[in-house]
Amino acid sequence: MRKIRNRIAQVLSFLYPITIETYSSAISGVIELTYEYGRLVVNTSEANYSYGSLHRVFRLAMKQMKFTDQPAKVLILGFGAGSIAKILVEEYQLPVEIDGVEIDPVMLQIHEEYFKLETNQLKLYNQDVLTFLQNNQVQYDYIFVDVFDNLNVPEELLSKSFIKLLQEHSCTYTQIAMNTMLTEDHPFLEEWKRSFGKMASTCLFDESNLVLFVRPSTD
């Protein structure tokens, strides 16, 4: 019956959004699983957390990055329900090993129930991202940061100490993409550029998502 109900909701969602599940999270508040234009998305009361505008932003951001067909290690901070991993594994079909870090167990439950990637390329960690970084010594080829408290990046991530942790998990060719909703005059951008030098850049997507990049210089 659930499959039939969801299929009907999917079809009707081309007329108007239809919520099929509602979850209560101590971390994210009310989380809704909703069909919009035939696609299943994960929303809170204020923001899209997976598979909606977030998915679109990271599709655009990844076009600014360079990928190869060589095996690589990926870190996703703020895994959500798996939007970024899905792009890498299913859309780009990259031979990557992914560590996904997500503090909210409800988000991981939603990933398991509705979006699970049938792959051995993924390891998930139900941890705070700072705790994970402080207790992990691995260096990654690609790092994606998508950590929000609804529409805001937590203040502890807008700091020099967080940048230092990213640097400790990077090597000379590591590429980083950090999703924010900051304005161009936010002081964290100056710290980002000062820390990463000529490898640092920013790009605005969907009029509100300012993605901070680190990409090795081609000079």
N, C-alpha and C. Protein backbone atom coordinates (compact mmCIF):
# COMPACT_ATOMS: atom_id res chain seq x y z
N MET A 1 0.82 -1.21 0.00
CA MET A 1 0.00 0.00 0.00
C MET A 1 0.87 1.28 0.00
N ARG A 2 2.00 1.21 0.73
CA ARG A 2 2.87 2.39 0.79
C ARG A 2 3.41 2.75 -0.58
N LYS A 3 3.80 1.73 -1.35
CA LYS A 3 4.33 1.98 -2.69
C LYS A 3 3.27 2.60 -3.59
N ILE A 4 2.03 2.10 -3.48
CA ILE A 4 0.93 2.65 -4.29
C ILE A 4 0.66 4.09 -3.88
N ARG A 5 0.61 4.34 -2.56
CA ARG A 5 0.37 5.70 -2.06
C ARG A 5 1.45 6.66 -2.55
N ASN A 6 2.70 6.21 -2.47
CA ASN A 6 3.80 7.09 -2.89
C ASN A 6 3.78 7.35 -4.38
N ARG A 7 3.39 6.35 -5.15
CA ARG A 7 3.32 6.54 -6.61
C ARG A 7 2.23 7.56 -6.96
N ILE A 8 1.09 7.48 -6.28
CA ILE A 8 0.02 8.45 -6.51
C ILE A 8 0.49 9.85 -6.12
N ALA A 9 1.17 9.95 -4.97
CA ALA A 9 1.68 11.24 -4.52
C ALA A 9 2.69 11.80 -5.52
N GLN A 10 3.53 10.93 -6.07
CA GLN A 10 4.53 11.37 -7.04
C GLN A 10 3.86 11.99 -8.27
N VAL A 11 2.82 11.36 -8.75
CA VAL A 11 2.11 11.87 -9.93
C VAL A 11 1.41 13.19 -9.63
N LEU A 12 0.73 13.25 -8.48
CA LEU A 12 0.00 14.46 -8.12
C LEU A 12 0.93 15.63 -7.80
N SER A 13 2.17 15.33 -7.47
CA SER A 13 3.11 16.39 -7.08
C SER A 13 3.47 17.32 -8.24
N PHE A 14 3.14 16.95 -9.46
CA PHE A 14 3.34 17.87 -10.58
C PHE A 14 2.32 19.01 -10.52
N LEU A 15 1.26 18.83 -9.73
CA LEU A 15 0.25 19.87 -9.54
C LEU A 15 0.54 20.69 -8.29
N TYR A 16 0.97 20.03 -7.22
CA TYR A 16 1.27 20.70 -5.96
C TYR A 16 2.11 19.74 -5.10
N PRO A 17 2.96 20.28 -4.20
CA PRO A 17 3.80 19.42 -3.36
C PRO A 17 2.95 18.54 -2.45
N ILE A 18 3.39 17.31 -2.26
CA ILE A 18 2.67 16.38 -1.39
C ILE A 18 3.66 15.76 -0.41
N THR A 19 3.42 15.98 0.86
CA THR A 19 4.26 15.42 1.91
C THR A 19 3.78 14.01 2.25
N ILE A 20 4.71 13.04 2.23
CA ILE A 20 4.33 11.65 2.48
C ILE A 20 4.78 11.15 3.85
N GLU A 21 5.81 11.80 4.43
CA GLU A 21 6.26 11.41 5.76
C GLU A 21 6.70 12.66 6.52
N THR A 22 6.48 12.65 7.81
CA THR A 22 6.94 13.73 8.69
C THR A 22 7.71 13.10 9.85
N TYR A 23 8.90 13.63 10.10
CA TYR A 23 9.75 13.13 11.17
C TYR A 23 10.01 14.24 12.18
N SER A 24 10.21 13.85 13.42
CA SER A 24 10.57 14.80 14.47
C SER A 24 12.01 14.54 14.88
N SER A 25 12.84 15.56 14.75
CA SER A 25 14.26 15.44 15.07
C SER A 25 14.64 16.41 16.18
N ALA A 26 15.37 15.91 17.16
CA ALA A 26 15.86 16.78 18.24
C ALA A 26 16.86 17.78 17.73
N ILE A 27 17.47 17.51 16.58
CA ILE A 27 18.50 18.39 16.02
C ILE A 27 17.94 19.31 14.95
N SER A 28 17.16 18.77 14.03
CA SER A 28 16.69 19.54 12.88
C SER A 28 15.24 20.00 12.99
N GLY A 29 14.55 19.61 14.05
CA GLY A 29 13.14 19.97 14.18
C GLY A 29 12.27 19.05 13.34
N VAL A 30 11.23 19.61 12.77
CA VAL A 30 10.33 18.83 11.92
C VAL A 30 10.96 18.67 10.53
N ILE A 31 11.06 17.43 10.09
CA ILE A 31 11.60 17.12 8.77
C ILE A 31 10.49 16.50 7.93
N GLU A 32 10.31 17.02 6.74
CA GLU A 32 9.26 16.53 5.86
C GLU A 32 9.85 15.89 4.61
N LEU A 33 9.32 14.74 4.27
CA LEU A 33 9.68 14.06 3.04
C LEU A 33 8.57 14.34 2.04
N THR A 34 8.89 15.08 0.99
CA THR A 34 7.86 15.64 0.12
C THR A 34 8.16 15.38 -1.35
N TYR A 35 7.12 15.03 -2.09
CA TYR A 35 7.26 14.96 -3.55
C TYR A 35 7.00 16.35 -4.14
N GLU A 36 7.94 16.81 -4.97
CA GLU A 36 7.81 18.07 -5.68
C GLU A 36 8.17 17.83 -7.14
N TYR A 37 7.22 18.05 -8.04
CA TYR A 37 7.44 17.83 -9.47
C TYR A 37 7.99 16.44 -9.75
N GLY A 38 7.46 15.46 -9.03
CA GLY A 38 7.83 14.07 -9.27
C GLY A 38 9.09 13.60 -8.57
N ARG A 39 9.75 14.51 -7.83
CA ARG A 39 10.99 14.15 -7.15
C ARG A 39 10.80 14.20 -5.65
N LEU A 40 11.42 13.27 -4.97
CA LEU A 40 11.36 13.22 -3.52
C LEU A 40 12.45 14.12 -2.94
N VAL A 41 12.07 15.05 -2.05
CA VAL A 41 13.02 15.97 -1.44
C VAL A 41 12.85 15.92 0.08
N VAL A 42 13.90 16.40 0.76
CA VAL A 42 13.89 16.43 2.22
C VAL A 42 13.96 17.88 2.67
N ASN A 43 12.95 18.33 3.39
CA ASN A 43 12.87 19.73 3.82
C ASN A 43 12.67 19.84 5.33
N THR A 44 13.19 20.93 5.91
CA THR A 44 12.77 21.34 7.24
C THR A 44 11.77 22.48 7.05
N SER A 45 11.39 23.10 8.14
CA SER A 45 10.41 24.18 8.04
C SER A 45 10.96 25.39 7.29
N GLU A 46 12.30 25.51 7.23
CA GLU A 46 12.91 26.69 6.62
C GLU A 46 13.78 26.42 5.41
N ALA A 47 14.21 25.19 5.22
CA ALA A 47 15.23 24.97 4.18
C ALA A 47 15.10 23.59 3.56
N ASN A 48 15.63 23.47 2.35
CA ASN A 48 15.80 22.17 1.71
C ASN A 48 17.09 21.55 2.22
N TYR A 49 17.02 20.30 2.66
CA TYR A 49 18.20 19.63 3.20
C TYR A 49 18.81 18.61 2.24
N SER A 50 18.02 18.07 1.35
CA SER A 50 18.55 17.10 0.39
C SER A 50 17.62 17.00 -0.81
N TYR A 51 18.22 16.87 -1.98
CA TYR A 51 17.57 16.50 -3.23
C TYR A 51 16.71 17.58 -3.88
N GLY A 52 16.61 18.75 -3.33
CA GLY A 52 15.89 19.84 -3.98
C GLY A 52 16.88 20.86 -4.50
N SER A 53 16.78 22.08 -4.00
CA SER A 53 17.71 23.14 -4.42
C SER A 53 19.14 22.79 -4.05
N LEU A 54 19.34 22.08 -2.94
CA LEU A 54 20.69 21.66 -2.56
C LEU A 54 21.33 20.80 -3.64
N HIS A 55 20.56 19.87 -4.16
CA HIS A 55 21.06 18.98 -5.21
C HIS A 55 21.48 19.80 -6.43
N ARG A 56 20.66 20.77 -6.77
CA ARG A 56 20.96 21.62 -7.92
C ARG A 56 22.23 22.44 -7.70
N VAL A 57 22.37 22.98 -6.50
CA VAL A 57 23.56 23.80 -6.19
C VAL A 57 24.83 22.97 -6.32
N PHE A 58 24.83 21.77 -5.79
CA PHE A 58 26.06 20.97 -5.87
C PHE A 58 26.30 20.40 -7.26
N ARG A 59 25.27 20.19 -8.03
CA ARG A 59 25.49 19.85 -9.44
C ARG A 59 26.24 20.98 -10.14
N LEU A 60 25.82 22.21 -9.89
CA LEU A 60 26.48 23.37 -10.49
C LEU A 60 27.89 23.54 -9.94
N ALA A 61 28.04 23.36 -8.63
CA ALA A 61 29.36 23.53 -8.01
C ALA A 61 30.35 22.51 -8.55
N MET A 62 29.92 21.30 -8.77
CA MET A 62 30.83 20.26 -9.24
C MET A 62 31.31 20.51 -10.66
N LYS A 63 30.55 21.28 -11.41
CA LYS A 63 31.01 21.64 -12.75
C LYS A 63 32.22 22.57 -12.69
N GLN A 64 32.42 23.20 -11.53
CA GLN A 64 33.58 24.08 -11.34
C GLN A 64 34.80 23.31 -10.85
N MET A 65 34.64 22.01 -10.61
CA MET A 65 35.72 21.20 -10.07
C MET A 65 36.23 20.23 -11.13
N LYS A 66 37.40 19.67 -10.85
CA LYS A 66 38.00 18.72 -11.78
C LYS A 66 38.01 17.33 -11.17
N PHE A 67 37.43 16.39 -11.89
CA PHE A 67 37.40 15.00 -11.45
C PHE A 67 38.15 14.14 -12.47
N THR A 68 38.71 13.05 -11.98
CA THR A 68 39.39 12.11 -12.86
C THR A 68 38.78 10.72 -12.66
N ASP A 69 39.22 9.77 -13.48
CA ASP A 69 38.73 8.40 -13.33
C ASP A 69 39.62 7.58 -12.40
N GLN A 70 40.51 8.27 -11.66
CA GLN A 70 41.37 7.58 -10.72
C GLN A 70 40.67 7.43 -9.36
N PRO A 71 40.94 6.35 -8.63
CA PRO A 71 40.35 6.20 -7.30
C PRO A 71 40.69 7.39 -6.40
N ALA A 72 39.73 7.83 -5.61
CA ALA A 72 39.94 9.01 -4.77
C ALA A 72 39.13 8.87 -3.49
N LYS A 73 39.58 9.59 -2.46
CA LYS A 73 38.88 9.60 -1.18
C LYS A 73 38.11 10.90 -1.04
N VAL A 74 36.85 10.78 -0.63
CA VAL A 74 35.94 11.93 -0.52
C VAL A 74 35.42 12.03 0.90
N LEU A 75 35.36 13.25 1.41
CA LEU A 75 34.74 13.52 2.70
C LEU A 75 33.54 14.44 2.50
N ILE A 76 32.38 14.03 3.01
CA ILE A 76 31.18 14.87 2.97
C ILE A 76 30.81 15.22 4.40
N LEU A 77 30.95 16.48 4.74
CA LEU A 77 30.58 16.97 6.07
C LEU A 77 29.19 17.58 5.97
N GLY A 78 28.23 16.97 6.65
CA GLY A 78 26.83 17.34 6.48
C GLY A 78 26.22 16.46 5.40
N PHE A 79 26.19 15.15 5.66
CA PHE A 79 25.76 14.18 4.65
C PHE A 79 24.28 14.31 4.32
N GLY A 80 23.46 14.73 5.30
CA GLY A 80 22.03 14.82 5.06
C GLY A 80 21.45 13.47 4.68
N ALA A 81 20.65 13.44 3.65
CA ALA A 81 20.07 12.18 3.16
C ALA A 81 20.84 11.64 1.95
N GLY A 82 22.00 12.23 1.66
CA GLY A 82 22.88 11.63 0.67
C GLY A 82 22.92 12.26 -0.70
N SER A 83 22.49 13.52 -0.81
CA SER A 83 22.41 14.17 -2.12
C SER A 83 23.76 14.24 -2.83
N ILE A 84 24.80 14.69 -2.12
CA ILE A 84 26.12 14.85 -2.73
C ILE A 84 26.69 13.50 -3.14
N ALA A 85 26.56 12.51 -2.27
CA ALA A 85 27.06 11.18 -2.58
C ALA A 85 26.38 10.61 -3.81
N LYS A 86 25.10 10.86 -3.95
CA LYS A 86 24.35 10.34 -5.10
C LYS A 86 24.88 10.92 -6.41
N ILE A 87 25.21 12.21 -6.41
CA ILE A 87 25.77 12.83 -7.61
C ILE A 87 27.10 12.17 -7.98
N LEU A 88 27.96 11.98 -6.99
CA LEU A 88 29.29 11.41 -7.23
C LEU A 88 29.22 9.97 -7.72
N VAL A 89 28.37 9.17 -7.05
CA VAL A 89 28.34 7.73 -7.33
C VAL A 89 27.47 7.38 -8.53
N GLU A 90 26.27 7.97 -8.60
CA GLU A 90 25.33 7.56 -9.65
C GLU A 90 25.39 8.45 -10.89
N GLU A 91 25.56 9.76 -10.70
CA GLU A 91 25.56 10.65 -11.86
C GLU A 91 26.94 10.74 -12.51
N TYR A 92 27.98 10.89 -11.67
CA TYR A 92 29.33 10.98 -12.20
C TYR A 92 29.99 9.60 -12.32
N GLN A 93 29.49 8.63 -11.58
CA GLN A 93 30.02 7.25 -11.58
C GLN A 93 31.53 7.23 -11.34
N LEU A 94 31.94 7.94 -10.30
CA LEU A 94 33.36 8.05 -9.97
C LEU A 94 33.81 6.89 -9.08
N PRO A 95 35.05 6.45 -9.24
CA PRO A 95 35.58 5.36 -8.40
C PRO A 95 36.10 5.91 -7.07
N VAL A 96 35.19 6.42 -6.27
CA VAL A 96 35.59 7.09 -5.03
C VAL A 96 35.18 6.29 -3.81
N GLU A 97 35.91 6.50 -2.71
CA GLU A 97 35.52 6.01 -1.40
C GLU A 97 35.06 7.22 -0.60
N ILE A 98 33.86 7.16 -0.05
CA ILE A 98 33.24 8.32 0.59
C ILE A 98 33.07 8.08 2.08
N ASP A 99 33.53 9.05 2.88
CA ASP A 99 33.19 9.12 4.29
C ASP A 99 32.13 10.21 4.45
N GLY A 100 30.94 9.84 4.91
CA GLY A 100 29.87 10.80 5.10
C GLY A 100 29.61 11.02 6.58
N VAL A 101 29.64 12.29 7.00
CA VAL A 101 29.48 12.63 8.41
C VAL A 101 28.18 13.41 8.60
N GLU A 102 27.31 12.92 9.46
CA GLU A 102 26.03 13.56 9.70
C GLU A 102 25.66 13.44 11.17
N ILE A 103 25.39 14.58 11.81
CA ILE A 103 25.08 14.59 13.24
C ILE A 103 23.67 14.12 13.55
N ASP A 104 22.75 14.26 12.61
CA ASP A 104 21.34 13.98 12.86
C ASP A 104 21.01 12.53 12.48
N PRO A 105 20.72 11.67 13.45
CA PRO A 105 20.39 10.28 13.13
C PRO A 105 19.11 10.14 12.32
N VAL A 106 18.21 11.11 12.42
CA VAL A 106 16.98 11.05 11.64
C VAL A 106 17.28 11.20 10.15
N MET A 107 18.22 12.06 9.81
CA MET A 107 18.62 12.20 8.41
C MET A 107 19.20 10.90 7.87
N LEU A 108 20.00 10.23 8.68
CA LEU A 108 20.57 8.95 8.25
C LEU A 108 19.48 7.89 8.13
N GLN A 109 18.46 7.96 8.99
CA GLN A 109 17.32 7.05 8.88
C GLN A 109 16.58 7.27 7.56
N ILE A 110 16.38 8.53 7.19
CA ILE A 110 15.70 8.85 5.93
C ILE A 110 16.52 8.36 4.75
N HIS A 111 17.83 8.54 4.82
CA HIS A 111 18.71 8.02 3.76
C HIS A 111 18.55 6.51 3.63
N GLU A 112 18.54 5.83 4.76
CA GLU A 112 18.43 4.37 4.75
C GLU A 112 17.09 3.91 4.18
N GLU A 113 16.03 4.62 4.52
CA GLU A 113 14.70 4.18 4.12
C GLU A 113 14.33 4.55 2.68
N TYR A 114 14.84 5.71 2.21
CA TYR A 114 14.35 6.20 0.92
C TYR A 114 15.43 6.45 -0.14
N PHE A 115 16.66 6.70 0.27
CA PHE A 115 17.67 7.13 -0.70
C PHE A 115 18.93 6.28 -0.68
N LYS A 116 18.90 5.16 -0.02
CA LYS A 116 20.11 4.37 0.20
C LYS A 116 20.82 4.04 -1.11
N LEU A 117 22.12 4.31 -1.12
CA LEU A 117 22.95 3.98 -2.28
C LEU A 117 23.41 2.54 -2.15
N GLU A 118 23.09 1.74 -3.14
CA GLU A 118 23.50 0.33 -3.12
C GLU A 118 24.93 0.24 -3.61
N THR A 119 25.85 0.55 -2.72
CA THR A 119 27.26 0.59 -3.09
C THR A 119 28.11 0.32 -1.87
N ASN A 120 29.31 -0.20 -2.09
CA ASN A 120 30.26 -0.38 -0.99
C ASN A 120 31.26 0.78 -0.94
N GLN A 121 30.94 1.86 -1.64
CA GLN A 121 31.83 3.02 -1.70
C GLN A 121 31.61 3.99 -0.54
N LEU A 122 30.63 3.72 0.32
CA LEU A 122 30.19 4.71 1.30
C LEU A 122 30.28 4.18 2.73
N LYS A 123 30.88 5.01 3.61
CA LYS A 123 30.86 4.77 5.05
C LYS A 123 30.24 5.98 5.73
N LEU A 124 29.30 5.74 6.64
CA LEU A 124 28.59 6.83 7.30
C LEU A 124 28.97 6.90 8.78
N TYR A 125 29.07 8.14 9.26
CA TYR A 125 29.44 8.40 10.65
C TYR A 125 28.41 9.35 11.26
N ASN A 126 27.72 8.90 12.30
CA ASN A 126 26.75 9.73 13.00
C ASN A 126 27.49 10.52 14.08
N GLN A 127 28.13 11.61 13.65
CA GLN A 127 28.97 12.41 14.54
C GLN A 127 28.85 13.89 14.20
N ASP A 128 29.20 14.71 15.16
CA ASP A 128 29.43 16.13 14.90
C ASP A 128 30.66 16.25 14.01
N VAL A 129 30.63 17.16 13.05
CA VAL A 129 31.72 17.24 12.08
C VAL A 129 33.05 17.63 12.73
N LEU A 130 33.01 18.49 13.73
CA LEU A 130 34.25 18.90 14.40
C LEU A 130 34.86 17.73 15.16
N THR A 131 34.04 16.95 15.83
CA THR A 131 34.53 15.77 16.53
C THR A 131 35.17 14.79 15.55
N PHE A 132 34.52 14.59 14.41
CA PHE A 132 35.06 13.69 13.40
C PHE A 132 36.42 14.18 12.92
N LEU A 133 36.52 15.44 12.58
CA LEU A 133 37.78 15.98 12.06
C LEU A 133 38.90 15.92 13.09
N GLN A 134 38.56 16.17 14.33
CA GLN A 134 39.57 16.18 15.39
C GLN A 134 40.10 14.79 15.72
N ASN A 135 39.32 13.76 15.37
CA ASN A 135 39.71 12.38 15.71
C ASN A 135 40.03 11.53 14.49
N ASN A 136 40.19 12.18 13.36
CA ASN A 136 40.44 11.48 12.11
C ASN A 136 41.67 12.09 11.46
N GLN A 137 42.60 11.25 11.03
CA GLN A 137 43.85 11.74 10.46
C GLN A 137 43.94 11.58 8.94
N VAL A 138 42.86 11.13 8.32
CA VAL A 138 42.87 10.85 6.89
C VAL A 138 42.93 12.15 6.08
N GLN A 139 43.70 12.12 4.99
CA GLN A 139 43.69 13.23 4.03
C GLN A 139 42.83 12.81 2.83
N TYR A 140 42.06 13.77 2.33
CA TYR A 140 41.09 13.47 1.28
C TYR A 140 41.43 14.20 -0.01
N ASP A 141 40.95 13.63 -1.12
CA ASP A 141 41.13 14.27 -2.43
C ASP A 141 40.07 15.33 -2.68
N TYR A 142 38.86 15.10 -2.14
CA TYR A 142 37.75 16.04 -2.28
C TYR A 142 37.04 16.16 -0.94
N ILE A 143 36.74 17.39 -0.55
CA ILE A 143 35.99 17.64 0.67
C ILE A 143 34.79 18.52 0.34
N PHE A 144 33.60 18.06 0.72
CA PHE A 144 32.38 18.84 0.53
C PHE A 144 31.81 19.18 1.91
N VAL A 145 31.48 20.46 2.11
CA VAL A 145 30.94 20.91 3.38
C VAL A 145 29.55 21.48 3.14
N ASP A 146 28.57 20.88 3.79
CA ASP A 146 27.18 21.35 3.65
C ASP A 146 26.49 21.24 5.00
N VAL A 147 27.00 21.99 5.96
CA VAL A 147 26.51 21.93 7.33
C VAL A 147 25.71 23.19 7.63
N PHE A 148 24.43 22.99 7.91
CA PHE A 148 23.54 24.12 8.17
C PHE A 148 22.69 23.85 9.40
N ASP A 149 22.35 24.92 10.09
CA ASP A 149 21.28 24.91 11.08
C ASP A 149 20.15 25.71 10.43
N ASN A 150 19.26 24.97 9.72
CA ASN A 150 18.29 25.58 8.82
C ASN A 150 19.00 26.44 7.77
N LEU A 151 18.92 27.77 7.84
CA LEU A 151 19.53 28.59 6.78
C LEU A 151 20.91 29.11 7.14
N ASN A 152 21.42 28.75 8.31
CA ASN A 152 22.68 29.32 8.76
C ASN A 152 23.76 28.27 8.94
N VAL A 153 24.98 28.62 8.52
CA VAL A 153 26.13 27.79 8.83
C VAL A 153 26.48 28.02 10.30
N PRO A 154 26.66 26.97 11.10
CA PRO A 154 27.01 27.16 12.51
C PRO A 154 28.27 28.02 12.67
N GLU A 155 28.27 28.89 13.66
CA GLU A 155 29.36 29.83 13.86
C GLU A 155 30.70 29.14 14.03
N GLU A 156 30.72 27.96 14.66
CA GLU A 156 31.99 27.28 14.89
C GLU A 156 32.65 26.82 13.58
N LEU A 157 31.88 26.78 12.51
CA LEU A 157 32.46 26.43 11.21
C LEU A 157 32.93 27.67 10.46
N LEU A 158 32.54 28.83 10.91
CA LEU A 158 32.98 30.07 10.27
C LEU A 158 34.16 30.63 11.05
N SER A 159 35.19 29.83 11.16
CA SER A 159 36.31 30.19 12.02
C SER A 159 37.63 29.73 11.42
N LYS A 160 38.68 30.35 11.88
CA LYS A 160 40.03 29.98 11.46
C LYS A 160 40.37 28.56 11.89
N SER A 161 39.86 28.15 13.07
CA SER A 161 40.15 26.81 13.57
C SER A 161 39.51 25.73 12.68
N PHE A 162 38.34 26.02 12.11
CA PHE A 162 37.71 25.06 11.20
C PHE A 162 38.52 24.97 9.91
N ILE A 163 38.96 26.09 9.40
CA ILE A 163 39.80 26.08 8.20
C ILE A 163 41.06 25.26 8.45
N LYS A 164 41.65 25.41 9.63
CA LYS A 164 42.86 24.65 9.97
C LYS A 164 42.58 23.15 9.94
N LEU A 165 41.41 22.74 10.44
CA LEU A 165 41.05 21.33 10.39
C LEU A 165 40.91 20.84 8.94
N LEU A 166 40.31 21.68 8.09
CA LEU A 166 40.21 21.31 6.68
C LEU A 166 41.59 21.15 6.06
N GLN A 167 42.50 22.05 6.40
CA GLN A 167 43.86 21.99 5.87
C GLN A 167 44.58 20.72 6.33
N GLU A 168 44.32 20.33 7.57
CA GLU A 168 44.97 19.13 8.10
C GLU A 168 44.50 17.86 7.38
N HIS A 169 43.31 17.93 6.78
CA HIS A 169 42.77 16.78 6.07
C HIS A 169 42.91 16.92 4.56
N SER A 170 43.74 17.87 4.15
CA SER A 170 43.97 18.13 2.73
C SER A 170 45.42 17.87 2.37
N CYS A 171 45.65 17.65 1.08
CA CYS A 171 47.01 17.60 0.55
C CYS A 171 47.12 18.68 -0.53
N THR A 172 48.21 18.71 -1.25
CA THR A 172 48.44 19.82 -2.19
C THR A 172 47.42 19.90 -3.31
N TYR A 173 46.77 18.78 -3.63
CA TYR A 173 45.83 18.77 -4.76
C TYR A 173 44.37 18.62 -4.33
N THR A 174 44.11 18.67 -3.03
CA THR A 174 42.73 18.51 -2.55
C THR A 174 41.84 19.65 -3.03
N GLN A 175 40.62 19.29 -3.45
CA GLN A 175 39.62 20.28 -3.84
C GLN A 175 38.51 20.31 -2.78
N ILE A 176 38.08 21.53 -2.44
CA ILE A 176 37.08 21.72 -1.40
C ILE A 176 35.94 22.57 -1.95
N ALA A 177 34.72 22.22 -1.58
CA ALA A 177 33.55 23.06 -1.89
C ALA A 177 32.71 23.16 -0.62
N MET A 178 32.55 24.38 -0.11
CA MET A 178 31.79 24.61 1.11
C MET A 178 30.57 25.47 0.79
N ASN A 179 29.39 24.91 1.00
CA ASN A 179 28.15 25.61 0.73
C ASN A 179 27.81 26.55 1.88
N THR A 180 27.50 27.81 1.56
CA THR A 180 27.09 28.79 2.57
C THR A 180 25.98 29.66 2.00
N MET A 181 25.43 30.49 2.87
CA MET A 181 24.52 31.54 2.41
C MET A 181 25.04 32.89 2.89
N LEU A 182 26.36 33.01 2.88
CA LEU A 182 27.02 34.23 3.32
C LEU A 182 26.97 35.29 2.22
N THR A 183 27.17 36.54 2.62
CA THR A 183 27.34 37.62 1.65
C THR A 183 28.83 37.81 1.38
N GLU A 184 29.13 38.46 0.27
CA GLU A 184 30.53 38.62 -0.15
C GLU A 184 31.37 39.42 0.83
N ASP A 185 30.72 40.20 1.69
CA ASP A 185 31.47 41.02 2.64
C ASP A 185 31.62 40.36 4.01
N HIS A 186 31.23 39.10 4.14
CA HIS A 186 31.37 38.41 5.43
C HIS A 186 32.86 38.20 5.72
N PRO A 187 33.30 38.45 6.95
CA PRO A 187 34.73 38.33 7.29
C PRO A 187 35.31 36.94 7.09
N PHE A 188 34.46 35.90 7.13
CA PHE A 188 34.98 34.55 6.93
C PHE A 188 35.57 34.37 5.54
N LEU A 189 35.05 35.09 4.56
CA LEU A 189 35.58 34.98 3.21
C LEU A 189 37.02 35.47 3.13
N GLU A 190 37.32 36.53 3.87
CA GLU A 190 38.70 37.03 3.90
C GLU A 190 39.62 36.01 4.53
N GLU A 191 39.15 35.36 5.59
CA GLU A 191 39.95 34.32 6.25
C GLU A 191 40.17 33.14 5.33
N TRP A 192 39.13 32.78 4.57
CA TRP A 192 39.21 31.68 3.61
C TRP A 192 40.27 31.99 2.54
N LYS A 193 40.22 33.17 1.99
CA LYS A 193 41.16 33.56 0.94
C LYS A 193 42.57 33.70 1.49
N ARG A 194 42.69 34.21 2.71
CA ARG A 194 44.01 34.37 3.32
C ARG A 194 44.63 33.00 3.61
N SER A 195 43.81 32.05 4.02
CA SER A 195 44.32 30.72 4.39
C SER A 195 44.69 29.88 3.18
N PHE A 196 43.89 29.96 2.11
CA PHE A 196 44.12 29.09 0.95
C PHE A 196 44.78 29.82 -0.22
N GLY A 197 44.98 31.13 -0.10
CA GLY A 197 45.70 31.88 -1.12
C GLY A 197 45.06 31.82 -2.49
N LYS A 198 45.89 31.64 -3.51
CA LYS A 198 45.40 31.69 -4.89
C LYS A 198 44.53 30.49 -5.26
N MET A 199 44.49 29.48 -4.39
CA MET A 199 43.62 28.33 -4.65
C MET A 199 42.17 28.62 -4.25
N ALA A 200 41.93 29.71 -3.52
CA ALA A 200 40.60 30.03 -3.00
C ALA A 200 39.79 30.85 -4.00
N SER A 201 38.49 30.56 -4.05
CA SER A 201 37.58 31.35 -4.88
C SER A 201 36.15 31.15 -4.35
N THR A 202 35.23 31.93 -4.87
CA THR A 202 33.82 31.80 -4.49
C THR A 202 32.96 31.89 -5.75
N CYS A 203 31.76 31.34 -5.67
CA CYS A 203 30.82 31.45 -6.78
C CYS A 203 29.40 31.40 -6.22
N LEU A 204 28.54 32.27 -6.72
CA LEU A 204 27.16 32.35 -6.26
C LEU A 204 26.26 31.51 -7.16
N PHE A 205 25.46 30.65 -6.54
CA PHE A 205 24.53 29.80 -7.27
C PHE A 205 23.12 30.04 -6.74
N ASP A 206 22.13 29.96 -7.62
CA ASP A 206 20.72 30.12 -7.23
C ASP A 206 20.46 31.41 -6.45
N GLU A 207 21.26 32.42 -6.69
CA GLU A 207 21.08 33.76 -6.13
C GLU A 207 21.32 33.87 -4.63
N SER A 208 21.47 32.75 -3.94
CA SER A 208 21.63 32.84 -2.49
C SER A 208 22.71 31.93 -1.91
N ASN A 209 23.10 30.89 -2.65
CA ASN A 209 24.10 29.96 -2.15
C ASN A 209 25.49 30.36 -2.62
N LEU A 210 26.30 30.86 -1.70
CA LEU A 210 27.67 31.24 -2.01
C LEU A 210 28.57 30.06 -1.66
N VAL A 211 29.13 29.42 -2.68
CA VAL A 211 29.99 28.26 -2.46
C VAL A 211 31.44 28.72 -2.44
N LEU A 212 32.15 28.31 -1.39
CA LEU A 212 33.56 28.63 -1.24
C LEU A 212 34.38 27.45 -1.75
N PHE A 213 35.28 27.72 -2.67
CA PHE A 213 36.07 26.67 -3.29
C PHE A 213 37.54 26.74 -2.88
N VAL A 214 38.16 25.59 -2.91
CA VAL A 214 39.63 25.48 -2.94
C VAL A 214 39.94 24.56 -4.11
N ARG A 215 40.66 25.13 -5.08
CA ARG A 215 41.04 24.35 -6.26
C ARG A 215 42.48 24.63 -6.58
N PRO A 216 43.30 23.57 -6.76
CA PRO A 216 44.72 23.77 -7.08
C PRO A 216 44.90 24.67 -8.28
N SER A 217 45.90 25.52 -8.22
CA SER A 217 46.17 26.44 -9.31
C SER A 217 46.61 25.69 -10.56
N THR A 218 46.19 26.19 -11.70
CA THR A 218 46.62 25.58 -12.97
C THR A 218 47.85 26.27 -13.54
N ASP A 219 48.39 27.25 -12.79
CA ASP A 219 49.57 27.99 -13.27
C ASP A 219 50.78 27.07 -13.34
